[in-house]
C-alpha atoms as a PDB file:
ATOM      1  CA  MET A   1    -131.372  35.677  33.120  1.00  0.00           C
ATOM      2  CA  VAL A   2    -129.329  32.428  33.825  1.00  0.00           C
ATOM      3  CA  THR A   3    -131.614  29.475  34.949  1.00  0.00           C
ATOM      4  CA  SER A   4    -129.545  27.047  37.085  1.00  0.00           C
ATOM      5  CA  ASN A   5    -130.538  23.644  35.342  1.00  0.00           C
ATOM      6  CA  VAL A   6    -129.774  24.765  31.678  1.00  0.00           C
ATOM      7  CA  PRO A   7    -126.553  25.172  29.796  1.00  0.00           C
ATOM      8  CA  VAL A   8    -124.707  28.467  29.989  1.00  0.00           C
ATOM      9  CA  GLU A   9    -122.900  29.745  26.793  1.00  0.00           C
ATOM     10  CA  THR A  10    -119.752  31.378  28.005  1.00  0.00           C
ATOM     11  CA  LEU A  11    -117.142  33.467  26.029  1.00  0.00           C
ATOM     12  CA  CYS A  12    -113.842  33.591  27.671  1.00  0.00           C
ATOM     13  CA  ARG A  13    -111.023  36.225  26.705  1.00  0.00           C
ATOM     14  CA  TYR A  14    -107.519  35.500  27.869  1.00  0.00           C
ATOM     15  CA  LEU A  15    -105.105  38.250  27.258  1.00  0.00           C
ATOM     16  CA  VAL A  16    -101.899  36.464  27.413  1.00  0.00           C
ATOM     17  CA  LYS A  17     -98.489  37.736  28.604  1.00  0.00           C
ATOM     18  CA  PRO A  18     -95.971  38.216  25.805  1.00  0.00           C
ATOM     19  CA  GLY A  19     -93.863  35.188  25.045  1.00  0.00           C
ATOM     20  CA  MET A  20     -96.266  32.922  26.828  1.00  0.00           C
ATOM     21  CA  GLU A  21     -98.617  32.192  23.699  1.00  0.00           C
ATOM     22  CA  ARG A  22     -97.399  28.673  23.094  1.00  0.00           C
ATOM     23  CA  GLU A  23     -97.463  27.504  26.613  1.00  0.00           C
ATOM     24  CA  PHE A  24    -101.087  29.002  27.157  1.00  0.00           C
ATOM     25  CA  GLN A  25    -102.264  27.482  23.875  1.00  0.00           C
ATOM     26  CA  SER A  26    -101.190  23.972  24.915  1.00  0.00           C
ATOM     27  CA  ILE A  27    -102.993  24.242  28.296  1.00  0.00           C
ATOM     28  CA  LEU A  28    -106.078  25.819  26.656  1.00  0.00           C
ATOM     29  CA  ALA A  29    -106.221  22.735  24.317  1.00  0.00           C
ATOM     30  CA  ARG A  30    -107.050  20.571  27.342  1.00  0.00           C
ATOM     31  CA  HIS A  31    -109.468  22.902  29.056  1.00  0.00           C
ATOM     32  CA  TRP A  32    -112.796  21.892  27.671  1.00  0.00           C
ATOM     33  CA  LYS A  33    -111.872  18.272  27.887  1.00  0.00           C
ATOM     34  CA  THR A  34    -111.084  18.558  31.414  1.00  0.00           C
ATOM     35  CA  LEU A  35    -114.327  20.494  32.236  1.00  0.00           C
ATOM     36  CA  HIS A  36    -116.462  17.892  30.121  1.00  0.00           C
ATOM     37  CA  GLU A  37    -114.765  14.886  31.844  1.00  0.00           C
ATOM     38  CA  ALA A  38    -115.668  16.521  35.187  1.00  0.00           C
ATOM     39  CA  GLY A  39    -119.233  16.758  34.210  1.00  0.00           C
ATOM     40  CA  LEU A  40    -119.090  20.593  34.020  1.00  0.00           C
ATOM     41  CA  ALA A  41    -119.377  21.139  30.302  1.00  0.00           C
ATOM     42  CA  THR A  42    -121.840  20.047  27.678  1.00  0.00           C
ATOM     43  CA  GLU A  43    -121.137  17.622  24.860  1.00  0.00           C
ATOM     44  CA  GLN A  44    -120.507  20.518  22.531  1.00  0.00           C
ATOM     45  CA  PRO A  45    -116.682  21.061  22.232  1.00  0.00           C
ATOM     46  CA  ALA A  46    -115.296  24.557  22.770  1.00  0.00           C
ATOM     47  CA  GLN A  47    -114.394  26.842  20.049  1.00  0.00           C
ATOM     48  CA  LEU A  48    -111.088  28.348  20.222  1.00  0.00           C
ATOM     49  CA  LEU A  49    -109.774  31.427  18.630  1.00  0.00           C
ATOM     50  CA  ARG A  50    -106.565  33.316  18.580  1.00  0.00           C
ATOM     51  CA  ALA A  51    -106.810  37.198  18.141  1.00  0.00           C
ATOM     52  CA  ASP A  52    -103.797  39.576  17.466  1.00  0.00           C
ATOM     53  CA  ASP A  53    -104.095  43.271  17.589  1.00  0.00           C
ATOM     54  CA  LYS A  54    -101.948  45.976  15.736  1.00  0.00           C
ATOM     55  CA  ALA A  55     -99.947  46.344  18.823  1.00  0.00           C
ATOM     56  CA  GLY A  56     -98.962  42.822  19.020  1.00  0.00           C
ATOM     57  CA  ASN A  57    -101.007  41.863  21.848  1.00  0.00           C
ATOM     58  CA  VAL A  58    -102.454  38.354  21.858  1.00  0.00           C
ATOM     59  CA  ALA A  59    -105.627  37.034  23.230  1.00  0.00           C
ATOM     60  CA  PHE A  60    -107.255  33.732  23.135  1.00  0.00           C
ATOM     61  CA  ILE A  61    -111.025  33.418  22.832  1.00  0.00           C
ATOM     62  CA  GLU A  62    -112.717  30.312  24.047  1.00  0.00           C
ATOM     63  CA  ILE A  63    -116.624  29.694  23.820  1.00  0.00           C
ATOM     64  CA  PHE A  64    -118.020  26.595  25.480  1.00  0.00           C
ATOM     65  CA  HIS A  65    -121.118  25.783  27.338  1.00  0.00           C
ATOM     66  CA  TRP A  66    -121.261  25.080  31.104  1.00  0.00           C
ATOM     67  CA  ARG A  67    -123.536  22.219  31.807  1.00  0.00           C
ATOM     68  CA  THR A  68    -125.642  24.457  34.335  1.00  0.00           C
ATOM     69  CA  ALA A  69    -125.268  27.771  35.903  1.00  0.00           C
ATOM     70  CA  ASP A  70    -123.527  26.040  39.101  1.00  0.00           C
ATOM     71  CA  SER A  71    -120.966  24.466  36.985  1.00  0.00           C
ATOM     72  CA  ALA A  72    -118.557  27.244  37.122  1.00  0.00           C
ATOM     73  CA  GLN A  73    -118.607  27.524  40.875  1.00  0.00           C
ATOM     74  CA  MET A  74    -118.129  23.613  40.965  1.00  0.00           C
ATOM     75  CA  ALA A  75    -115.202  23.980  38.879  1.00  0.00           C
ATOM     76  CA  HIS A  76    -113.482  25.871  41.734  1.00  0.00           C
ATOM     77  CA  GLU A  77    -113.973  22.687  43.994  1.00  0.00           C
ATOM     78  CA  THR A  78    -112.619  20.162  41.148  1.00  0.00           C
ATOM     79  CA  PRO A  79    -108.827  19.537  41.484  1.00  0.00           C
ATOM     80  CA  ALA A  80    -108.361  18.438  37.782  1.00  0.00           C
ATOM     81  CA  VAL A  81    -109.804  21.843  36.649  1.00  0.00           C
ATOM     82  CA  MET A  82    -107.871  23.806  39.259  1.00  0.00           C
ATOM     83  CA  ARG A  83    -104.601  22.272  38.082  1.00  0.00           C
ATOM     84  CA  LEU A  84    -105.368  24.008  34.616  1.00  0.00           C
ATOM     85  CA  TRP A  85    -106.680  27.280  35.992  1.00  0.00           C
ATOM     86  CA  GLU A  86    -103.643  28.071  38.145  1.00  0.00           C
ATOM     87  CA  PRO A  87    -101.082  28.034  35.285  1.00  0.00           C
ATOM     88  CA  MET A  88    -103.518  29.559  32.944  1.00  0.00           C
ATOM     89  CA  GLY A  89    -103.990  32.449  35.360  1.00  0.00           C
ATOM     90  CA  ALA A  90    -100.165  32.768  35.751  1.00  0.00           C
ATOM     91  CA  LEU A  91     -99.749  33.227  31.999  1.00  0.00           C
ATOM     92  CA  CYS A  92    -102.423  35.818  31.501  1.00  0.00           C
ATOM     93  CA  ARG A  93    -102.293  39.793  31.973  1.00  0.00           C
ATOM     94  CA  ASP A  94    -106.233  39.745  32.085  1.00  0.00           C
ATOM     95  CA  MET A  95    -109.195  37.517  31.736  1.00  0.00           C
ATOM     96  CA  GLU A  96    -112.892  38.124  30.998  1.00  0.00           C
ATOM     97  CA  PHE A  97    -115.775  35.835  31.178  1.00  0.00           C
ATOM     98  CA  TRP A  98    -119.212  36.654  29.679  1.00  0.00           C
ATOM     99  CA  HIS A  99    -122.433  34.676  29.695  1.00  0.00           C
ATOM    100  CA  VAL A 100    -123.716  35.244  26.007  1.00  0.00           C
ATOM    101  CA  GLN A 101    -126.729  34.424  23.961  1.00  0.00           C
ATOM    102  CA  PRO A 102    -127.286  34.517  20.291  1.00  0.00           C
ATOM    103  CA  LEU A 103    -129.402  37.441  19.202  1.00  0.00           C
ATOM    104  CA  GLY A 104    -132.858  36.774  18.010  1.00  0.00           C
ATOM    105  CA  GLU A 105    -133.520  33.827  20.520  1.00  0.00           C
END
């Protein structure tokens, strides 16, 4: 259960279109900083990973903390964030977003 005033750890999986990996990575590198500067992400920097499967598909994984449960919705109303999200979406075949918690907590 997500409480509205506590940070929300989020795992994002971006399945990038073939040939768009470098351009996507360039935008993704600015994503957390933009969220943080808008007051939407916590002080903890995002963890960024690249995953390649045997078929040659490339996915980028981003793990970060929204400041609150409402931050994701507020991001949709933040011009600086939307300037990144629009091209990110155009470079992806699919995206998934999960709220996660470490086991044992």
